[in-house]
Amino acid sequence: MTLDGLMQELNDLNSNEVETIHKLVQALKRTRESPLAYIEELMNFQSLGFDEEAKAYVHRMLVTDELKNRYKILHGGITATFIDTAMGSTVFQEVGVDRRAVTLDLNVSFLAPALDGWLTAHTEVVKKGRTILVLETKVWDERGKLIARANSHFFRQSDKPGT
């Protein structure tokens, strides 16, 4: 694809489609300088740190039209991606970003549709072992409605050299 070819593709888009393309391009450009992946930029993912009162790590994402399914609600896969990303961020805040960590499993229960606005995830570390962390996350919308809950196991590189 050339720039001229792309320009031809853009010629017949309506104003809403042009706005969507603009958001996608802006998210792509942000990945040049941000440590976040493209999908995280599309979600407007934010890490708000540890909430002492809640004893949980707090993360946010913005529900936008581009992330909704045909029923005009947040796509379940994006909800799961938000939860997995929040959990991964929690692991790195717990053990340091110099350690490698991956999701071993993720069990999500979708409880209510996410329609618009910001979603907030609270992630608790249930158990932190030498190589396995057990996490629980709850996601609320701006009205305080519980949208989803999840649990997961993450594998992290051991503290011992060579393991």
Protein backbone atom coordinates (compact mmCIF):
# COMPACT_ATOMS: atom_id res chain seq x y z
CA MET A 1 0.00 0.00 0.00
CA THR A 2 1.32 3.39 -0.98
CA LEU A 3 0.39 6.75 0.49
CA ASP A 4 -1.42 7.60 -2.76
CA GLY A 5 -3.35 4.33 -2.56
CA LEU A 6 -4.30 5.05 1.03
CA MET A 7 -5.48 8.55 0.08
CA GLN A 8 -7.72 7.02 -2.60
CA GLU A 9 -9.19 4.66 -0.01
CA LEU A 10 -9.98 7.61 2.26
CA ASN A 11 -11.73 9.69 -0.41
CA ASP A 12 -15.21 8.22 -0.03
CA LEU A 13 -15.38 7.97 3.76
CA ASN A 14 -18.08 9.82 5.67
CA SER A 15 -17.19 12.19 8.51
CA ASN A 16 -17.65 9.53 11.22
CA GLU A 17 -15.38 7.14 9.37
CA VAL A 18 -12.75 9.85 8.93
CA GLU A 19 -12.89 10.54 12.69
CA THR A 20 -12.40 6.82 13.39
CA ILE A 21 -9.39 6.67 11.06
CA HIS A 22 -7.98 9.76 12.77
CA LYS A 23 -8.29 8.07 16.21
CA LEU A 24 -6.60 4.93 14.91
CA VAL A 25 -3.72 6.91 13.39
CA GLN A 26 -3.28 8.94 16.58
CA ALA A 27 -3.13 5.75 18.66
CA LEU A 28 -0.58 4.30 16.26
CA LYS A 29 1.57 7.44 16.49
CA ARG A 30 1.42 7.41 20.31
CA THR A 31 3.00 3.93 20.32
CA ARG A 32 6.18 5.48 18.93
CA GLU A 33 6.87 7.08 22.30
CA SER A 34 4.60 5.24 24.70
CA PRO A 35 5.48 1.93 26.33
CA LEU A 36 1.88 0.87 25.63
CA ALA A 37 0.92 -1.43 22.79
CA TYR A 38 -1.38 -0.24 20.01
CA ILE A 39 -4.48 -1.88 21.52
CA GLU A 40 -3.71 -0.23 24.86
CA GLU A 41 -3.53 3.13 23.13
CA LEU A 42 -6.88 2.41 21.42
CA MET A 43 -8.39 1.72 24.85
CA ASN A 44 -6.86 4.90 26.28
CA PHE A 45 -5.42 2.62 28.96
CA GLN A 46 -4.27 4.37 32.14
CA SER A 47 -2.51 3.05 35.21
CA LEU A 48 -3.49 5.05 38.28
CA GLY A 49 -1.30 3.22 40.79
CA PHE A 50 -2.09 1.49 44.07
CA ASP A 51 -5.14 2.51 46.10
CA GLU A 52 -4.26 1.93 49.76
CA GLU A 53 -7.87 2.04 50.90
CA ALA A 54 -9.07 -0.50 48.31
CA LYS A 55 -5.83 -2.54 48.56
CA ALA A 56 -5.87 -2.76 44.77
CA TYR A 57 -4.11 -1.46 41.71
CA VAL A 58 -6.37 0.84 39.70
CA HIS A 59 -6.54 1.12 35.91
CA ARG A 60 -8.92 2.84 33.50
CA MET A 61 -10.00 2.61 29.89
CA LEU A 62 -12.40 4.61 27.74
CA VAL A 63 -15.30 2.94 25.94
CA THR A 64 -15.44 4.38 22.41
CA ASP A 65 -17.54 3.52 19.38
CA GLU A 66 -14.54 1.86 17.73
CA LEU A 67 -14.40 -0.69 20.56
CA LYS A 68 -18.10 -1.61 20.54
CA ASN A 69 -19.75 -4.63 18.96
CA ARG A 70 -22.79 -4.70 16.68
CA TYR A 71 -25.06 -4.27 19.73
CA LYS A 72 -23.37 -0.96 20.58
CA ILE A 73 -21.79 -2.32 23.77
CA LEU A 74 -18.12 -2.82 24.54
CA HIS A 75 -16.86 -5.93 22.76
CA GLY A 76 -16.27 -8.75 25.23
CA GLY A 77 -12.80 -9.38 23.83
CA ILE A 78 -11.86 -5.76 24.52
CA THR A 79 -13.21 -6.08 28.07
CA ALA A 80 -11.05 -9.19 28.53
CA THR A 81 -8.07 -7.38 26.99
CA PHE A 82 -8.55 -4.47 29.40
CA ILE A 83 -8.64 -6.88 32.35
CA ASP A 84 -5.58 -8.81 31.12
CA THR A 85 -3.71 -5.54 30.56
CA ALA A 86 -4.64 -4.26 34.02
CA MET A 87 -3.49 -7.53 35.55
CA GLY A 88 -0.23 -7.46 33.59
CA SER A 89 0.39 -3.89 34.70
CA THR A 90 -0.26 -4.98 38.28
CA VAL A 91 2.29 -7.80 38.00
CA PHE A 92 4.93 -5.40 36.68
CA GLN A 93 4.20 -2.92 39.48
CA GLU A 94 4.58 -5.76 41.99
CA VAL A 95 7.73 -7.42 40.64
CA GLY A 96 9.36 -4.77 38.45
CA VAL A 97 9.33 -4.18 34.72
CA ASP A 98 12.68 -5.90 34.24
CA ARG A 99 11.02 -9.28 34.90
CA ARG A 100 9.19 -11.11 32.14
CA ALA A 101 5.62 -12.13 32.94
CA VAL A 102 2.85 -13.79 30.94
CA THR A 103 -0.77 -14.75 31.48
CA LEU A 104 -1.28 -18.46 32.17
CA ASP A 105 -5.06 -18.32 32.28
CA LEU A 106 -7.83 -15.76 32.43
CA ASN A 107 -11.38 -16.44 33.57
CA VAL A 108 -13.76 -13.53 32.93
CA SER A 109 -17.39 -13.26 34.00
CA PHE A 110 -19.28 -10.59 32.08
CA LEU A 111 -21.94 -9.19 34.42
CA ALA A 112 -23.38 -6.14 32.65
CA PRO A 113 -22.88 -4.32 29.34
CA ALA A 114 -20.39 -1.46 29.18
CA LEU A 115 -22.05 1.24 27.12
CA ASP A 116 -19.91 4.37 27.31
CA GLY A 117 -17.52 6.43 29.40
CA TRP A 118 -14.63 5.30 31.54
CA LEU A 119 -14.30 1.84 33.04
CA THR A 120 -12.25 1.37 36.19
CA ALA A 121 -10.53 -1.89 37.12
CA HIS A 122 -9.39 -2.76 40.62
CA THR A 123 -6.87 -5.58 40.66
CA GLU A 124 -5.83 -7.37 43.84
CA VAL A 125 -2.86 -9.67 44.22
CA VAL A 126 -4.33 -12.74 45.94
CA LYS A 127 -1.06 -14.66 46.14
CA LYS A 128 2.45 -13.79 45.09
CA GLY A 129 4.70 -16.82 44.80
CA ARG A 130 8.22 -17.13 43.46
CA THR A 131 7.00 -17.70 39.88
CA ILE A 132 3.17 -17.61 40.01
CA LEU A 133 0.92 -14.69 40.92
CA VAL A 134 -2.82 -15.11 41.45
CA LEU A 135 -4.91 -12.01 40.67
CA GLU A 136 -8.53 -10.90 40.90
CA THR A 137 -10.00 -7.93 39.03
CA LYS A 138 -13.35 -6.19 39.19
CA VAL A 139 -14.42 -3.64 36.56
CA TRP A 140 -16.97 -0.88 37.18
CA ASP A 141 -18.49 1.74 34.89
CA GLU A 142 -18.83 5.44 35.77
CA ARG A 143 -22.21 4.81 37.42
CA GLY A 144 -20.69 2.28 39.81
CA LYS A 145 -22.21 -0.75 38.08
CA LEU A 146 -20.10 -3.90 38.20
CA ILE A 147 -19.37 -4.80 34.57
CA ALA A 148 -17.07 -7.81 34.92
CA ARG A 149 -14.94 -9.77 37.32
CA ALA A 150 -12.02 -12.02 36.58
CA ASN A 151 -9.28 -14.15 38.05
CA SER A 152 -5.99 -15.13 36.54
CA HIS A 153 -2.64 -16.78 37.10
CA PHE A 154 0.50 -15.09 35.80
CA PHE A 155 3.86 -16.73 35.37
CA ARG A 156 6.82 -14.51 36.08
CA GLN A 157 10.51 -15.02 35.65
CA SER A 158 12.06 -16.26 38.87
CA ASP A 159 14.19 -14.00 41.07
CA LYS A 160 16.93 -16.65 40.93
CA PRO A 161 19.46 -16.17 38.10
CA GLY A 162 19.09 -18.62 35.24
CA THR A 163 15.53 -19.66 36.07
